[in-house]
Amino acid sequence: MSMPSRLPDPYGQGSGANLADILERVLDKGIVIAGDIRINLLDIELLTIKLRLIVASVDKAKEMGIDWWEDDPALSTKARRDELSRENAELRERLARLEELEPRRAQEEGS
């Protein structure tokens, strides 16, 4: 006489979805996890932390209008190039103004 096992089947045997299927669904549809942490002392709010986590594929994120990584110089070479170009233009403009002032200063010292 044998007793039926109450233990679940090992992963991969008889389960409807494996990890790859679950990951594909999450990235395709996206998942949002949101939460707030508040620390109060005697009804005085000392700290509030708002947490928002979105897990989705890049394509899905762009569909939702989320593309902050494209403008972040630490994450995008295009954004880094744009930042360097802007900084370079500012430095060239500043150098041109200094070069304009130098001949005037030399004339004033010579007089």
N, C-alpha and C. Protein backbone atom coordinates (compact mmCIF):
# COMPACT_ATOMS: atom_id res chain seq x y z
N MET A 1 0.84 -1.18 0.00
CA MET A 1 0.00 0.00 0.00
C MET A 1 0.89 1.24 0.00
N SER A 2 0.74 2.07 -1.02
CA SER A 2 1.55 3.29 -1.10
C SER A 2 0.68 4.51 -0.85
N MET A 3 1.31 5.50 -0.25
CA MET A 3 0.59 6.76 0.04
C MET A 3 0.91 7.76 -1.07
N PRO A 4 -0.08 8.49 -1.51
CA PRO A 4 0.19 9.47 -2.55
C PRO A 4 1.12 10.57 -2.02
N SER A 5 2.00 11.01 -2.88
CA SER A 5 2.94 12.06 -2.50
C SER A 5 2.24 13.41 -2.47
N ARG A 6 2.56 14.19 -1.45
CA ARG A 6 1.98 15.53 -1.36
C ARG A 6 2.95 16.60 -1.86
N LEU A 7 4.12 16.19 -2.22
CA LEU A 7 5.12 17.15 -2.69
C LEU A 7 4.80 17.52 -4.14
N PRO A 8 5.02 18.79 -4.50
CA PRO A 8 4.77 19.19 -5.90
C PRO A 8 5.80 18.57 -6.81
N ASP A 9 5.44 18.50 -8.08
CA ASP A 9 6.38 18.00 -9.07
C ASP A 9 7.57 18.94 -9.16
N PRO A 10 8.75 18.39 -9.42
CA PRO A 10 9.91 19.26 -9.59
C PRO A 10 9.68 20.24 -10.74
N TYR A 11 10.39 21.36 -10.69
CA TYR A 11 10.24 22.36 -11.74
C TYR A 11 10.55 21.76 -13.09
N GLY A 12 9.77 22.15 -14.07
CA GLY A 12 9.99 21.69 -15.42
C GLY A 12 9.16 20.48 -15.78
N GLN A 13 8.65 19.76 -14.78
CA GLN A 13 7.83 18.59 -15.06
C GLN A 13 6.39 18.92 -14.74
N GLY A 14 5.58 19.01 -15.76
CA GLY A 14 4.17 19.24 -15.54
C GLY A 14 3.80 20.69 -15.28
N SER A 15 4.77 21.60 -15.17
CA SER A 15 4.41 23.00 -14.95
C SER A 15 4.05 23.62 -16.29
N GLY A 16 3.06 24.53 -16.27
CA GLY A 16 2.55 25.11 -17.50
C GLY A 16 3.51 26.08 -18.15
N ALA A 17 4.30 26.76 -17.37
CA ALA A 17 5.18 27.78 -17.94
C ALA A 17 6.55 27.67 -17.30
N ASN A 18 7.57 27.81 -18.11
CA ASN A 18 8.91 27.83 -17.54
C ASN A 18 9.37 29.28 -17.42
N LEU A 19 10.55 29.46 -16.90
CA LEU A 19 11.06 30.80 -16.64
C LEU A 19 11.15 31.65 -17.91
N ALA A 20 11.55 31.05 -19.01
CA ALA A 20 11.66 31.79 -20.27
C ALA A 20 10.30 32.30 -20.72
N ASP A 21 9.26 31.49 -20.57
CA ASP A 21 7.91 31.91 -20.95
C ASP A 21 7.43 33.07 -20.08
N ILE A 22 7.68 32.96 -18.79
CA ILE A 22 7.27 34.02 -17.86
C ILE A 22 8.01 35.31 -18.18
N LEU A 23 9.32 35.21 -18.40
CA LEU A 23 10.10 36.40 -18.73
C LEU A 23 9.64 37.03 -20.03
N GLU A 24 9.33 36.22 -21.02
CA GLU A 24 8.83 36.74 -22.30
C GLU A 24 7.51 37.49 -22.10
N ARG A 25 6.62 36.94 -21.30
CA ARG A 25 5.34 37.60 -21.04
C ARG A 25 5.53 38.93 -20.31
N VAL A 26 6.40 38.92 -19.29
CA VAL A 26 6.63 40.15 -18.52
C VAL A 26 7.22 41.23 -19.41
N LEU A 27 8.22 40.88 -20.23
CA LEU A 27 8.83 41.88 -21.09
C LEU A 27 7.88 42.35 -22.18
N ASP A 28 7.02 41.46 -22.66
CA ASP A 28 6.07 41.82 -23.70
C ASP A 28 4.98 42.74 -23.16
N LYS A 29 4.44 42.43 -22.02
CA LYS A 29 3.33 43.20 -21.45
C LYS A 29 3.82 44.31 -20.52
N GLY A 30 4.90 44.04 -19.79
CA GLY A 30 5.39 44.99 -18.81
C GLY A 30 4.75 44.74 -17.46
N ILE A 31 5.44 45.12 -16.41
CA ILE A 31 4.91 44.98 -15.06
C ILE A 31 5.34 46.22 -14.27
N VAL A 32 4.44 46.72 -13.45
CA VAL A 32 4.72 47.90 -12.64
C VAL A 32 4.60 47.51 -11.18
N ILE A 33 5.61 47.88 -10.43
CA ILE A 33 5.59 47.68 -8.98
C ILE A 33 5.74 49.05 -8.35
N ALA A 34 4.80 49.42 -7.51
CA ALA A 34 4.81 50.75 -6.91
C ALA A 34 4.62 50.62 -5.40
N GLY A 35 5.26 51.51 -4.67
CA GLY A 35 5.09 51.51 -3.23
C GLY A 35 5.62 52.79 -2.63
N ASP A 36 5.13 53.12 -1.47
CA ASP A 36 5.57 54.31 -0.74
C ASP A 36 6.03 53.90 0.65
N ILE A 37 7.09 54.52 1.10
CA ILE A 37 7.57 54.32 2.46
C ILE A 37 7.49 55.67 3.16
N ARG A 38 6.80 55.70 4.27
CA ARG A 38 6.69 56.95 5.04
C ARG A 38 7.15 56.71 6.45
N ILE A 39 7.93 57.63 6.96
CA ILE A 39 8.39 57.56 8.34
C ILE A 39 7.84 58.77 9.07
N ASN A 40 7.01 58.50 10.06
CA ASN A 40 6.38 59.56 10.85
C ASN A 40 6.81 59.45 12.30
N LEU A 41 6.88 60.57 12.97
CA LEU A 41 7.14 60.61 14.39
C LEU A 41 6.15 61.57 15.02
N LEU A 42 5.26 61.05 15.83
CA LEU A 42 4.22 61.88 16.48
C LEU A 42 3.41 62.66 15.44
N ASP A 43 2.97 61.99 14.41
CA ASP A 43 2.17 62.59 13.33
C ASP A 43 2.91 63.66 12.54
N ILE A 44 4.23 63.66 12.62
CA ILE A 44 5.05 64.57 11.81
C ILE A 44 5.78 63.71 10.79
N GLU A 45 5.56 64.02 9.53
CA GLU A 45 6.19 63.25 8.48
C GLU A 45 7.66 63.63 8.37
N LEU A 46 8.53 62.67 8.62
CA LEU A 46 9.97 62.92 8.56
C LEU A 46 10.57 62.57 7.20
N LEU A 47 10.05 61.53 6.59
CA LEU A 47 10.62 61.05 5.35
C LEU A 47 9.57 60.33 4.53
N THR A 48 9.55 60.60 3.24
CA THR A 48 8.70 59.86 2.32
C THR A 48 9.55 59.42 1.14
N ILE A 49 9.49 58.15 0.84
CA ILE A 49 10.20 57.59 -0.31
C ILE A 49 9.17 56.94 -1.21
N LYS A 50 9.14 57.38 -2.46
CA LYS A 50 8.20 56.81 -3.43
C LYS A 50 8.99 55.92 -4.38
N LEU A 51 8.62 54.66 -4.41
CA LEU A 51 9.31 53.69 -5.26
C LEU A 51 8.43 53.32 -6.44
N ARG A 52 9.00 53.35 -7.63
CA ARG A 52 8.29 52.94 -8.83
C ARG A 52 9.25 52.09 -9.65
N LEU A 53 8.85 50.89 -9.97
CA LEU A 53 9.68 49.99 -10.74
C LEU A 53 8.87 49.48 -11.93
N ILE A 54 9.44 49.65 -13.11
CA ILE A 54 8.79 49.16 -14.32
C ILE A 54 9.74 48.17 -14.98
N VAL A 55 9.25 46.99 -15.25
CA VAL A 55 10.03 45.98 -15.95
C VAL A 55 9.33 45.73 -17.27
N ALA A 56 10.03 46.05 -18.36
CA ALA A 56 9.45 45.88 -19.69
C ALA A 56 10.58 45.86 -20.71
N SER A 57 10.27 45.42 -21.90
CA SER A 57 11.26 45.47 -22.97
C SER A 57 11.44 46.92 -23.41
N VAL A 58 12.51 47.18 -24.12
CA VAL A 58 12.77 48.53 -24.61
C VAL A 58 11.65 48.98 -25.54
N ASP A 59 11.20 48.09 -26.41
CA ASP A 59 10.11 48.45 -27.33
C ASP A 59 8.84 48.80 -26.59
N LYS A 60 8.49 48.01 -25.58
CA LYS A 60 7.28 48.27 -24.80
C LYS A 60 7.42 49.59 -24.03
N ALA A 61 8.61 49.84 -23.48
CA ALA A 61 8.83 51.09 -22.75
C ALA A 61 8.66 52.29 -23.68
N LYS A 62 9.19 52.19 -24.89
CA LYS A 62 9.03 53.29 -25.86
C LYS A 62 7.58 53.48 -26.24
N GLU A 63 6.82 52.39 -26.34
CA GLU A 63 5.38 52.49 -26.61
C GLU A 63 4.68 53.29 -25.52
N MET A 64 5.15 53.11 -24.27
CA MET A 64 4.55 53.79 -23.12
C MET A 64 5.08 55.22 -22.97
N GLY A 65 6.03 55.61 -23.82
CA GLY A 65 6.56 56.96 -23.75
C GLY A 65 7.73 57.10 -22.78
N ILE A 66 8.34 55.98 -22.42
CA ILE A 66 9.48 56.01 -21.50
C ILE A 66 10.74 55.82 -22.32
N ASP A 67 11.60 56.84 -22.36
CA ASP A 67 12.84 56.73 -23.11
C ASP A 67 13.96 57.57 -22.48
N TRP A 68 13.95 57.66 -21.18
CA TRP A 68 14.91 58.52 -20.48
C TRP A 68 16.35 58.10 -20.72
N TRP A 69 16.61 56.84 -21.01
CA TRP A 69 17.98 56.38 -21.21
C TRP A 69 18.58 56.96 -22.47
N GLU A 70 17.75 57.42 -23.41
CA GLU A 70 18.28 58.01 -24.64
C GLU A 70 18.90 59.37 -24.41
N ASP A 71 18.48 60.07 -23.34
CA ASP A 71 19.00 61.40 -23.05
C ASP A 71 20.01 61.41 -21.91
N ASP A 72 20.31 60.26 -21.33
CA ASP A 72 21.23 60.17 -20.20
C ASP A 72 22.64 59.93 -20.74
N PRO A 73 23.57 60.88 -20.53
CA PRO A 73 24.92 60.72 -21.07
C PRO A 73 25.64 59.48 -20.55
N ALA A 74 25.28 59.02 -19.37
CA ALA A 74 25.93 57.83 -18.82
C ALA A 74 25.46 56.55 -19.51
N LEU A 75 24.32 56.60 -20.19
CA LEU A 75 23.75 55.40 -20.79
C LEU A 75 23.70 55.44 -22.30
N SER A 76 23.86 56.61 -22.90
CA SER A 76 23.70 56.74 -24.35
C SER A 76 24.90 57.47 -24.94
N THR A 77 25.52 56.86 -25.95
CA THR A 77 26.65 57.53 -26.59
C THR A 77 26.19 58.77 -27.36
N LYS A 78 24.99 58.73 -27.92
CA LYS A 78 24.46 59.90 -28.63
C LYS A 78 24.27 61.06 -27.66
N ALA A 79 23.70 60.78 -26.49
CA ALA A 79 23.50 61.84 -25.50
C ALA A 79 24.84 62.37 -25.02
N ARG A 80 25.83 61.49 -24.86
CA ARG A 80 27.16 61.92 -24.43
C ARG A 80 27.79 62.82 -25.49
N ARG A 81 27.66 62.42 -26.78
CA ARG A 81 28.20 63.26 -27.86
C ARG A 81 27.52 64.62 -27.88
N ASP A 82 26.19 64.63 -27.70
CA ASP A 82 25.46 65.90 -27.69
C ASP A 82 25.94 66.79 -26.53
N GLU A 83 26.14 66.17 -25.38
CA GLU A 83 26.62 66.94 -24.22
C GLU A 83 28.02 67.49 -24.47
N LEU A 84 28.89 66.68 -25.04
CA LEU A 84 30.25 67.14 -25.34
C LEU A 84 30.24 68.24 -26.41
N SER A 85 29.38 68.12 -27.41
CA SER A 85 29.28 69.15 -28.45
C SER A 85 28.81 70.47 -27.86
N ARG A 86 27.81 70.39 -26.97
CA ARG A 86 27.30 71.60 -26.33
C ARG A 86 28.39 72.24 -25.45
N GLU A 87 29.10 71.41 -24.70
CA GLU A 87 30.17 71.93 -23.84
C GLU A 87 31.29 72.54 -24.68
N ASN A 88 31.61 71.90 -25.79
CA ASN A 88 32.65 72.39 -26.69
C ASN A 88 32.26 73.75 -27.27
N ALA A 89 31.00 73.88 -27.69
CA ALA A 89 30.53 75.16 -28.23
C ALA A 89 30.59 76.26 -27.18
N GLU A 90 30.20 75.93 -25.95
CA GLU A 90 30.26 76.93 -24.87
C GLU A 90 31.70 77.36 -24.61
N LEU A 91 32.63 76.41 -24.61
CA LEU A 91 34.03 76.75 -24.37
C LEU A 91 34.61 77.58 -25.52
N ARG A 92 34.23 77.27 -26.76
CA ARG A 92 34.70 78.07 -27.90
C ARG A 92 34.19 79.51 -27.82
N GLU A 93 32.93 79.64 -27.42
CA GLU A 93 32.35 80.97 -27.28
C GLU A 93 33.05 81.75 -26.17
N ARG A 94 33.33 81.07 -25.08
CA ARG A 94 34.02 81.73 -23.95
C ARG A 94 35.44 82.14 -24.35
N LEU A 95 36.13 81.26 -25.09
CA LEU A 95 37.48 81.58 -25.55
C LEU A 95 37.46 82.77 -26.51
N ALA A 96 36.47 82.83 -27.39
CA ALA A 96 36.37 83.95 -28.32
C ALA A 96 36.18 85.27 -27.57
N ARG A 97 35.35 85.25 -26.52
CA ARG A 97 35.15 86.48 -25.72
C ARG A 97 36.43 86.89 -25.02
N LEU A 98 37.18 85.91 -24.50
CA LEU A 98 38.45 86.23 -23.83
C LEU A 98 39.48 86.78 -24.83
N GLU A 99 39.51 86.23 -26.02
CA GLU A 99 40.43 86.71 -27.04
C GLU A 99 40.08 88.13 -27.48
N GLU A 100 38.79 88.47 -27.47
CA GLU A 100 38.38 89.83 -27.80
C GLU A 100 38.84 90.81 -26.71
N LEU A 101 38.81 90.37 -25.48
CA LEU A 101 39.20 91.24 -24.37
C LEU A 101 40.71 91.45 -24.30
N GLU A 102 41.51 90.48 -24.72
CA GLU A 102 42.96 90.55 -24.60
C GLU A 102 43.56 91.75 -25.34
N PRO A 103 43.24 92.02 -26.62
CA PRO A 103 43.82 93.20 -27.29
C PRO A 103 43.43 94.50 -26.59
N ARG A 104 42.21 94.58 -26.09
CA ARG A 104 41.80 95.79 -25.38
C ARG A 104 42.63 95.99 -24.13
N ARG A 105 42.87 94.89 -23.41
CA ARG A 105 43.65 94.99 -22.16
C ARG A 105 45.08 95.41 -22.46
N ALA A 106 45.66 94.88 -23.55
CA ALA A 106 47.02 95.26 -23.94
C ALA A 106 47.10 96.72 -24.30
N GLN A 107 46.08 97.26 -24.99
CA GLN A 107 46.05 98.68 -25.34
C GLN A 107 45.93 99.54 -24.10
N GLU A 108 45.10 99.12 -23.14
CA GLU A 108 44.93 99.90 -21.91
C GLU A 108 46.20 99.93 -21.08
N GLU A 109 46.93 98.84 -21.06
CA GLU A 109 48.18 98.79 -20.29
C GLU A 109 49.26 99.61 -20.98
N GLY A 110 49.23 99.68 -22.29
CA GLY A 110 50.23 100.43 -23.06
C GLY A 110 49.99 101.93 -22.98
N SER A 111 48.79 102.35 -22.68
CA SER A 111 48.49 103.78 -22.66
C SER A 111 48.95 104.44 -21.41
